[in-house]
Amino acid sequence: MIEPARNRGLAGDLPDLIGRSRLLDIMSRLGAAVLASPAATFECATTPWHTTGTLRDDGHDTLNDLTVAALTGGGIIRRDLRPSFGNRNGKASGPPLTLHITLISDRDRTPLPGHVIYLWHCDTAGRYSLHDVPDANWLRGVGIADNNGRIRFTTIPPGRHDAGPPHMHFEIFPSAFPAISGAPSIHTDRITLPPALCQSAGATTFHTELTVPAVRHMPPPQRHSHRPLPTLP
């Protein structure tokens, strides 16, 4: 993989990061940005390439030789990703971003109700909780799709991390219990965000449609205690 030069900007980075043919495909899917009102709206549709999420801390990563399992500690199912949860402290600061996600099947483009997304990203300074800020676990959360496959989060725009463009990582699970019990995800990828969104100083809305590939050989479901899921506000 070609390491993009740090001073070329997004236009120079993207062809090397994702390939020129894929870049043209993605750019053709980007919707127009509505900048006339205080709350700008951006729309895009991701394409189903696979990128293993870094710093996901979903029970399969280690930090200082200890397993980090952000998904299993309680409090991870939530809409507002800005504050820390559980026994962690702190809140990520930045302009509010309302994130609307729709999960659809790549087989027939139908919604995937009940599917779960684990979303995490860095703050405006490019820092990840639990790693760059060990005492915090902000900007991480799990959302459950409604009957239309839709999920909503409140978060902040991510900054640039290393040489890559601003982005968010995600994992998809077939339901809530596999997500919060440490079971493997069925799909992992990332969302690359428009630069204008991440440079906005006011409230912003971002819509994205995530295509989830069909999984033919899923592991058998694990037995769980009848622990009720939290009710979102």
C-alpha atoms as a PDB file:
ATOM      1  CA  MET A   1       0.000   0.000   0.000  1.00  0.00           C
ATOM      2  CA  ILE A   2       1.377   3.409  -0.937  1.00  0.00           C
ATOM      3  CA  GLU A   3       1.860   5.696   2.020  1.00  0.00           C
ATOM      4  CA  PRO A   4       0.165   9.005   1.097  1.00  0.00           C
ATOM      5  CA  ALA A   5       2.186  12.170   1.515  1.00  0.00           C
ATOM      6  CA  ARG A   6       0.951  14.155   4.485  1.00  0.00           C
ATOM      7  CA  ASN A   7       0.850  17.506   2.715  1.00  0.00           C
ATOM      8  CA  ARG A   8      -1.184  16.589  -0.371  1.00  0.00           C
ATOM      9  CA  GLY A   9      -4.598  16.955   1.241  1.00  0.00           C
ATOM     10  CA  LEU A  10      -7.649  14.747   0.802  1.00  0.00           C
ATOM     11  CA  ALA A  11      -7.658  15.010  -2.996  1.00  0.00           C
ATOM     12  CA  GLY A  12      -4.159  13.577  -3.112  1.00  0.00           C
ATOM     13  CA  ASP A  13      -4.703  10.960  -0.418  1.00  0.00           C
ATOM     14  CA  LEU A  14      -7.883   9.275  -1.647  1.00  0.00           C
ATOM     15  CA  PRO A  15      -6.589   7.708  -4.907  1.00  0.00           C
ATOM     16  CA  ASP A  16      -3.773   5.966  -3.014  1.00  0.00           C
ATOM     17  CA  LEU A  17      -5.925   4.983  -0.047  1.00  0.00           C
ATOM     18  CA  ILE A  18      -8.803   3.326  -1.898  1.00  0.00           C
ATOM     19  CA  GLY A  19      -7.816   3.098  -5.565  1.00  0.00           C
ATOM     20  CA  ARG A  20      -8.767   5.390  -8.414  1.00  0.00           C
ATOM     21  CA  SER A  21     -11.582   3.241  -9.842  1.00  0.00           C
ATOM     22  CA  ARG A  22     -13.200   2.875  -6.405  1.00  0.00           C
ATOM     23  CA  LEU A  23     -12.778   6.585  -5.801  1.00  0.00           C
ATOM     24  CA  LEU A  24     -14.752   7.362  -8.957  1.00  0.00           C
ATOM     25  CA  ASP A  25     -17.485   4.964  -7.825  1.00  0.00           C
ATOM     26  CA  ILE A  26     -17.686   6.536  -4.367  1.00  0.00           C
ATOM     27  CA  MET A  27     -17.696  10.077  -5.715  1.00  0.00           C
ATOM     28  CA  SER A  28     -20.559   9.172  -8.025  1.00  0.00           C
ATOM     29  CA  ARG A  29     -22.590   8.089  -4.988  1.00  0.00           C
ATOM     30  CA  LEU A  30     -22.012  11.211  -2.890  1.00  0.00           C
ATOM     31  CA  GLY A  31     -25.039  13.425  -2.526  1.00  0.00           C
ATOM     32  CA  ALA A  32     -24.940  17.203  -2.648  1.00  0.00           C
ATOM     33  CA  ALA A  33     -24.186  19.085   0.543  1.00  0.00           C
ATOM     34  CA  VAL A  34     -26.886  21.491   1.657  1.00  0.00           C
ATOM     35  CA  LEU A  35     -24.958  24.422   3.099  1.00  0.00           C
ATOM     36  CA  ALA A  36     -27.611  27.149   3.000  1.00  0.00           C
ATOM     37  CA  SER A  37     -29.057  26.377   6.433  1.00  0.00           C
ATOM     38  CA  PRO A  38     -27.212  26.302   9.808  1.00  0.00           C
ATOM     39  CA  ALA A  39     -27.575  22.498   9.922  1.00  0.00           C
ATOM     40  CA  ALA A  40     -25.827  21.138   6.837  1.00  0.00           C
ATOM     41  CA  THR A  41     -26.886  17.726   5.535  1.00  0.00           C
ATOM     42  CA  PHE A  42     -24.598  15.272   3.748  1.00  0.00           C
ATOM     43  CA  GLU A  43     -25.559  11.986   2.148  1.00  0.00           C
ATOM     44  CA  CYS A  44     -23.531   9.107   0.787  1.00  0.00           C
ATOM     45  CA  ALA A  45     -23.665   5.353   0.237  1.00  0.00           C
ATOM     46  CA  THR A  46     -20.702   3.175   1.087  1.00  0.00           C
ATOM     47  CA  THR A  47     -19.430   0.404  -1.123  1.00  0.00           C
ATOM     48  CA  PRO A  48     -18.825  -3.036   0.417  1.00  0.00           C
ATOM     49  CA  TRP A  49     -15.033  -3.219   0.604  1.00  0.00           C
ATOM     50  CA  HIS A  50     -13.602  -4.741   3.759  1.00  0.00           C
ATOM     51  CA  THR A  51     -11.280  -2.878   6.099  1.00  0.00           C
ATOM     52  CA  THR A  52     -10.473  -4.407   9.465  1.00  0.00           C
ATOM     53  CA  GLY A  53     -11.194  -1.769  12.053  1.00  0.00           C
ATOM     54  CA  THR A  54      -8.263  -0.595  14.150  1.00  0.00           C
ATOM     55  CA  LEU A  55      -8.523   0.138  17.888  1.00  0.00           C
ATOM     56  CA  ARG A  56     -11.952  -1.497  17.923  1.00  0.00           C
ATOM     57  CA  ASP A  57     -11.624  -2.892  21.458  1.00  0.00           C
ATOM     58  CA  ASP A  58     -14.464  -5.351  20.902  1.00  0.00           C
ATOM     59  CA  GLY A  59     -12.951  -8.112  23.023  1.00  0.00           C
ATOM     60  CA  HIS A  60     -10.440  -9.233  20.409  1.00  0.00           C
ATOM     61  CA  ASP A  61      -7.792  -6.550  21.011  1.00  0.00           C
ATOM     62  CA  THR A  62      -5.193  -6.078  23.710  1.00  0.00           C
ATOM     63  CA  LEU A  63      -3.937  -2.889  25.333  1.00  0.00           C
ATOM     64  CA  ASN A  64      -0.874  -3.050  27.583  1.00  0.00           C
ATOM     65  CA  ASP A  65      -1.151  -6.873  27.410  1.00  0.00           C
ATOM     66  CA  LEU A  66      -4.745  -6.776  28.697  1.00  0.00           C
ATOM     67  CA  THR A  67      -7.852  -7.642  26.687  1.00  0.00           C
ATOM     68  CA  VAL A  68     -10.006  -4.601  26.034  1.00  0.00           C
ATOM     69  CA  ALA A  69     -13.709  -5.443  25.804  1.00  0.00           C
ATOM     70  CA  ALA A  70     -15.658  -2.199  25.490  1.00  0.00           C
ATOM     71  CA  LEU A  71     -18.729  -4.075  24.253  1.00  0.00           C
ATOM     72  CA  THR A  72     -19.222  -6.302  27.282  1.00  0.00           C
ATOM     73  CA  GLY A  73     -18.950  -3.864  30.188  1.00  0.00           C
ATOM     74  CA  GLY A  74     -22.463  -2.422  30.088  1.00  0.00           C
ATOM     75  CA  GLY A  75     -23.685   0.949  28.884  1.00  0.00           C
ATOM     76  CA  ILE A  76     -22.419   0.560  25.316  1.00  0.00           C
ATOM     77  CA  ILE A  77     -25.927   0.492  23.767  1.00  0.00           C
ATOM     78  CA  ARG A  78     -26.703   4.195  23.496  1.00  0.00           C
ATOM     79  CA  ARG A  79     -27.505   7.041  21.127  1.00  0.00           C
ATOM     80  CA  ASP A  80     -25.208   9.789  22.448  1.00  0.00           C
ATOM     81  CA  LEU A  81     -21.591   8.739  21.897  1.00  0.00           C
ATOM     82  CA  ARG A  82     -20.000  11.876  23.295  1.00  0.00           C
ATOM     83  CA  PRO A  83     -19.764  11.009  27.026  1.00  0.00           C
ATOM     84  CA  SER A  84     -17.838   8.108  28.481  1.00  0.00           C
ATOM     85  CA  PHE A  85     -19.838   5.248  29.998  1.00  0.00           C
ATOM     86  CA  GLY A  86     -19.428   2.607  32.674  1.00  0.00           C
ATOM     87  CA  ASN A  87     -16.488   3.335  34.971  1.00  0.00           C
ATOM     88  CA  ARG A  88     -14.741   5.710  32.518  1.00  0.00           C
ATOM     89  CA  ASN A  89     -14.766   9.489  32.672  1.00  0.00           C
ATOM     90  CA  GLY A  90     -14.787  12.461  30.358  1.00  0.00           C
ATOM     91  CA  LYS A  91     -16.716  13.675  27.343  1.00  0.00           C
ATOM     92  CA  ALA A  92     -15.533  14.348  23.800  1.00  0.00           C
ATOM     93  CA  SER A  93     -15.877  17.991  22.785  1.00  0.00           C
ATOM     94  CA  GLY A  94     -16.729  19.285  19.339  1.00  0.00           C
ATOM     95  CA  PRO A  95     -19.634  20.456  17.188  1.00  0.00           C
ATOM     96  CA  PRO A  96     -22.622  18.102  17.416  1.00  0.00           C
ATOM     97  CA  LEU A  97     -23.104  15.645  14.570  1.00  0.00           C
ATOM     98  CA  THR A  98     -26.385  13.766  14.089  1.00  0.00           C
ATOM     99  CA  LEU A  99     -25.611  10.520  12.304  1.00  0.00           C
ATOM    100  CA  HIS A 100     -28.387   8.604  10.506  1.00  0.00           C
ATOM    101  CA  ILE A 101     -27.436   5.093   9.359  1.00  0.00           C
ATOM    102  CA  THR A 102     -29.531   2.662   7.316  1.00  0.00           C
ATOM    103  CA  LEU A 103     -28.475  -0.998   7.187  1.00  0.00           C
ATOM    104  CA  ILE A 104     -29.488  -2.884   4.031  1.00  0.00           C
ATOM    105  CA  SER A 105     -28.759  -6.334   2.633  1.00  0.00           C
ATOM    106  CA  ASP A 106     -26.440  -6.569  -0.355  1.00  0.00           C
ATOM    107  CA  ARG A 107     -28.557  -9.458  -1.658  1.00  0.00           C
ATOM    108  CA  ASP A 108     -31.832  -7.618  -2.276  1.00  0.00           C
ATOM    109  CA  ARG A 109     -31.278  -4.152  -0.744  1.00  0.00           C
ATOM    110  CA  THR A 110     -33.964  -4.699   1.884  1.00  0.00           C
ATOM    111  CA  PRO A 111     -33.638  -3.187   5.392  1.00  0.00           C
ATOM    112  CA  LEU A 112     -32.066  -5.235   8.171  1.00  0.00           C
ATOM    113  CA  PRO A 113     -34.215  -4.642  11.290  1.00  0.00           C
ATOM    114  CA  GLY A 114     -32.718  -5.799  14.571  1.00  0.00           C
ATOM    115  CA  HIS A 115     -29.173  -5.809  13.186  1.00  0.00           C
ATOM    116  CA  VAL A 116     -26.623  -3.998  15.306  1.00  0.00           C
ATOM    117  CA  ILE A 117     -23.788  -1.635  14.513  1.00  0.00           C
ATOM    118  CA  TYR A 118     -20.815  -0.935  16.771  1.00  0.00           C
ATOM    119  CA  LEU A 119     -19.415   2.465  15.785  1.00  0.00           C
ATOM    120  CA  TRP A 120     -16.224   4.111  17.018  1.00  0.00           C
ATOM    121  CA  HIS A 121     -13.999   6.953  15.874  1.00  0.00           C
ATOM    122  CA  CYS A 122     -11.428   9.487  17.024  1.00  0.00           C
ATOM    123  CA  ASP A 123     -12.137  12.979  18.369  1.00  0.00           C
ATOM    124  CA  THR A 124     -11.479  16.254  16.549  1.00  0.00           C
ATOM    125  CA  ALA A 125      -7.797  16.052  17.527  1.00  0.00           C
ATOM    126  CA  GLY A 126      -7.397  12.552  16.056  1.00  0.00           C
ATOM    127  CA  ARG A 127      -7.304  10.805  19.447  1.00  0.00           C
ATOM    128  CA  TYR A 128      -8.976   7.474  20.227  1.00  0.00           C
ATOM    129  CA  SER A 129     -10.428   6.753  23.649  1.00  0.00           C
ATOM    130  CA  LEU A 130      -8.870   3.909  25.659  1.00  0.00           C
ATOM    131  CA  HIS A 131      -5.635   4.331  23.672  1.00  0.00           C
ATOM    132  CA  ASP A 132      -4.666   7.980  23.364  1.00  0.00           C
ATOM    133  CA  VAL A 133      -6.963   8.848  26.295  1.00  0.00           C
ATOM    134  CA  PRO A 134      -6.849   5.742  28.553  1.00  0.00           C
ATOM    135  CA  ASP A 135      -9.335   6.946  31.189  1.00  0.00           C
ATOM    136  CA  ALA A 136     -12.133   7.588  28.663  1.00  0.00           C
ATOM    137  CA  ASN A 137     -14.268   5.465  26.339  1.00  0.00           C
ATOM    138  CA  TRP A 138     -16.175   8.206  24.521  1.00  0.00           C
ATOM    139  CA  LEU A 139     -17.050   8.060  20.812  1.00  0.00           C
ATOM    140  CA  ARG A 140     -17.887   4.366  21.006  1.00  0.00           C
ATOM    141  CA  GLY A 141     -21.383   2.944  20.962  1.00  0.00           C
ATOM    142  CA  VAL A 142     -23.796   0.280  19.783  1.00  0.00           C
ATOM    143  CA  GLY A 143     -27.071   1.003  17.974  1.00  0.00           C
ATOM    144  CA  ILE A 144     -29.942  -1.362  17.125  1.00  0.00           C
ATOM    145  CA  ALA A 145     -31.718  -0.956  13.769  1.00  0.00           C
ATOM    146  CA  ASP A 146     -35.445  -0.267  13.848  1.00  0.00           C
ATOM    147  CA  ASN A 147     -38.019  -1.893  11.544  1.00  0.00           C
ATOM    148  CA  ASN A 148     -36.685   0.174   8.639  1.00  0.00           C
ATOM    149  CA  GLY A 149     -33.055  -0.725   9.322  1.00  0.00           C
ATOM    150  CA  ARG A 150     -32.350   2.770  10.662  1.00  0.00           C
ATOM    151  CA  ILE A 151     -30.070   3.818  13.512  1.00  0.00           C
ATOM    152  CA  ARG A 152     -29.388   7.284  14.887  1.00  0.00           C
ATOM    153  CA  PHE A 153     -26.384   8.501  16.864  1.00  0.00           C
ATOM    154  CA  THR A 154     -25.333  11.862  18.255  1.00  0.00           C
ATOM    155  CA  THR A 155     -21.576  12.322  18.087  1.00  0.00           C
ATOM    156  CA  ILE A 156     -18.958  14.812  16.820  1.00  0.00           C
ATOM    157  CA  PRO A 157     -17.081  14.971  13.501  1.00  0.00           C
ATOM    158  CA  PRO A 158     -13.803  13.026  13.659  1.00  0.00           C
ATOM    159  CA  GLY A 159     -10.481  14.653  12.954  1.00  0.00           C
ATOM    160  CA  ARG A 160      -7.692  13.208  10.834  1.00  0.00           C
ATOM    161  CA  HIS A 161      -5.870  10.223  12.308  1.00  0.00           C
ATOM    162  CA  ASP A 162      -2.354   9.665  10.941  1.00  0.00           C
ATOM    163  CA  ALA A 163      -2.376  10.294   7.172  1.00  0.00           C
ATOM    164  CA  GLY A 164      -5.890   9.074   6.413  1.00  0.00           C
ATOM    165  CA  PRO A 165      -8.992  11.171   5.716  1.00  0.00           C
ATOM    166  CA  PRO A 166     -11.584  11.638   8.501  1.00  0.00           C
ATOM    167  CA  HIS A 167     -13.463   8.388   9.010  1.00  0.00           C
ATOM    168  CA  MET A 168     -15.490   6.216  11.383  1.00  0.00           C
ATOM    169  CA  HIS A 169     -15.039   2.492  11.935  1.00  0.00           C
ATOM    170  CA  PHE A 170     -17.913   0.067  12.346  1.00  0.00           C
ATOM    171  CA  GLU A 171     -18.752  -3.586  12.891  1.00  0.00           C
ATOM    172  CA  ILE A 172     -22.104  -5.225  12.117  1.00  0.00           C
ATOM    173  CA  PHE A 173     -23.738  -7.961  14.222  1.00  0.00           C
ATOM    174  CA  PRO A 174     -26.949  -9.919  13.477  1.00  0.00           C
ATOM    175  CA  SER A 175     -28.517  -8.903  16.812  1.00  0.00           C
ATOM    176  CA  ALA A 176     -27.717  -7.219  20.123  1.00  0.00           C
ATOM    177  CA  PHE A 177     -26.648 -10.193  22.242  1.00  0.00           C
ATOM    178  CA  PRO A 178     -23.773 -11.314  19.990  1.00  0.00           C
ATOM    179  CA  ALA A 179     -22.519  -7.722  19.990  1.00  0.00           C
ATOM    180  CA  ILE A 180     -22.403  -7.297  23.767  1.00  0.00           C
ATOM    181  CA  SER A 181     -21.171 -10.828  24.495  1.00  0.00           C
ATOM    182  CA  GLY A 182     -17.915 -10.723  22.543  1.00  0.00           C
ATOM    183  CA  ALA A 183     -19.056 -12.824  19.564  1.00  0.00           C
ATOM    184  CA  PRO A 184     -17.385 -12.145  16.183  1.00  0.00           C
ATOM    185  CA  SER A 185     -18.962  -9.518  13.930  1.00  0.00           C
ATOM    186  CA  ILE A 186     -20.338 -10.466  10.505  1.00  0.00           C
ATOM    187  CA  HIS A 187     -18.950  -7.413   8.704  1.00  0.00           C
ATOM    188  CA  THR A 188     -16.402  -4.677   9.352  1.00  0.00           C
ATOM    189  CA  ASP A 189     -15.640  -1.553   7.361  1.00  0.00           C
ATOM    190  CA  ARG A 190     -15.317   2.202   7.703  1.00  0.00           C
ATOM    191  CA  ILE A 191     -17.143   5.345   6.616  1.00  0.00           C
ATOM    192  CA  THR A 192     -15.081   8.106   5.011  1.00  0.00           C
ATOM    193  CA  LEU A 193     -16.627  11.501   5.672  1.00  0.00           C
ATOM    194  CA  PRO A 194     -16.757  14.611   3.466  1.00  0.00           C
ATOM    195  CA  PRO A 195     -14.108  17.180   4.534  1.00  0.00           C
ATOM    196  CA  ALA A 196     -16.708  19.986   4.646  1.00  0.00           C
ATOM    197  CA  LEU A 197     -18.650  18.088   7.307  1.00  0.00           C
ATOM    198  CA  CYS A 198     -15.629  17.688   9.567  1.00  0.00           C
ATOM    199  CA  GLN A 199     -14.697  21.356   9.169  1.00  0.00           C
ATOM    200  CA  SER A 200     -18.189  22.572  10.099  1.00  0.00           C
ATOM    201  CA  ALA A 201     -18.386  24.731  13.204  1.00  0.00           C
ATOM    202  CA  GLY A 202     -22.127  24.228  13.721  1.00  0.00           C
ATOM    203  CA  ALA A 203     -24.685  21.458  14.035  1.00  0.00           C
ATOM    204  CA  THR A 204     -24.468  18.994  11.159  1.00  0.00           C
ATOM    205  CA  THR A 205     -26.433  15.979   9.936  1.00  0.00           C
ATOM    206  CA  PHE A 206     -24.949  13.058   7.998  1.00  0.00           C
ATOM    207  CA  HIS A 207     -26.927  10.276   6.294  1.00  0.00           C
ATOM    208  CA  THR A 208     -25.264   7.071   5.153  1.00  0.00           C
ATOM    209  CA  GLU A 209     -26.489   3.738   3.813  1.00  0.00           C
ATOM    210  CA  LEU A 210     -24.355   0.724   4.763  1.00  0.00           C
ATOM    211  CA  THR A 211     -24.562  -2.409   2.634  1.00  0.00           C
ATOM    212  CA  VAL A 212     -24.159  -5.555   4.726  1.00  0.00           C
ATOM    213  CA  PRO A 213     -23.020  -8.693   2.870  1.00  0.00           C
ATOM    214  CA  ALA A 214     -24.982 -11.901   3.328  1.00  0.00           C
ATOM    215  CA  VAL A 215     -23.220 -14.341   5.641  1.00  0.00           C
ATOM    216  CA  ARG A 216     -23.781 -17.971   4.701  1.00  0.00           C
ATOM    217  CA  HIS A 217     -21.747 -19.620   7.463  1.00  0.00           C
ATOM    218  CA  MET A 218     -22.482 -17.857  10.704  1.00  0.00           C
ATOM    219  CA  PRO A 219     -21.361 -19.445  13.994  1.00  0.00           C
ATOM    220  CA  PRO A 220     -24.181 -20.973  16.051  1.00  0.00           C
ATOM    221  CA  PRO A 221     -25.739 -18.498  18.503  1.00  0.00           C
ATOM    222  CA  GLN A 222     -24.446 -18.620  22.050  1.00  0.00           C
ATOM    223  CA  ARG A 223     -26.719 -19.218  25.006  1.00  0.00           C
ATOM    224  CA  HIS A 224     -27.243 -16.116  27.092  1.00  0.00           C
ATOM    225  CA  SER A 225     -28.987 -15.348  30.320  1.00  0.00           C
ATOM    226  CA  HIS A 226     -32.268 -13.482  30.002  1.00  0.00           C
ATOM    227  CA  ARG A 227     -30.677 -10.119  30.713  1.00  0.00           C
ATOM    228  CA  PRO A 228     -32.925  -7.343  29.347  1.00  0.00           C
ATOM    229  CA  LEU A 229     -31.445  -4.828  26.936  1.00  0.00           C
ATOM    230  CA  PRO A 230     -31.375  -1.216  28.130  1.00  0.00           C
ATOM    231  CA  THR A 231     -34.115   1.114  26.950  1.00  0.00           C
ATOM    232  CA  LEU A 232     -32.787   4.034  24.944  1.00  0.00           C
ATOM    233  CA  PRO A 233     -34.082   7.494  25.862  1.00  0.00           C
END
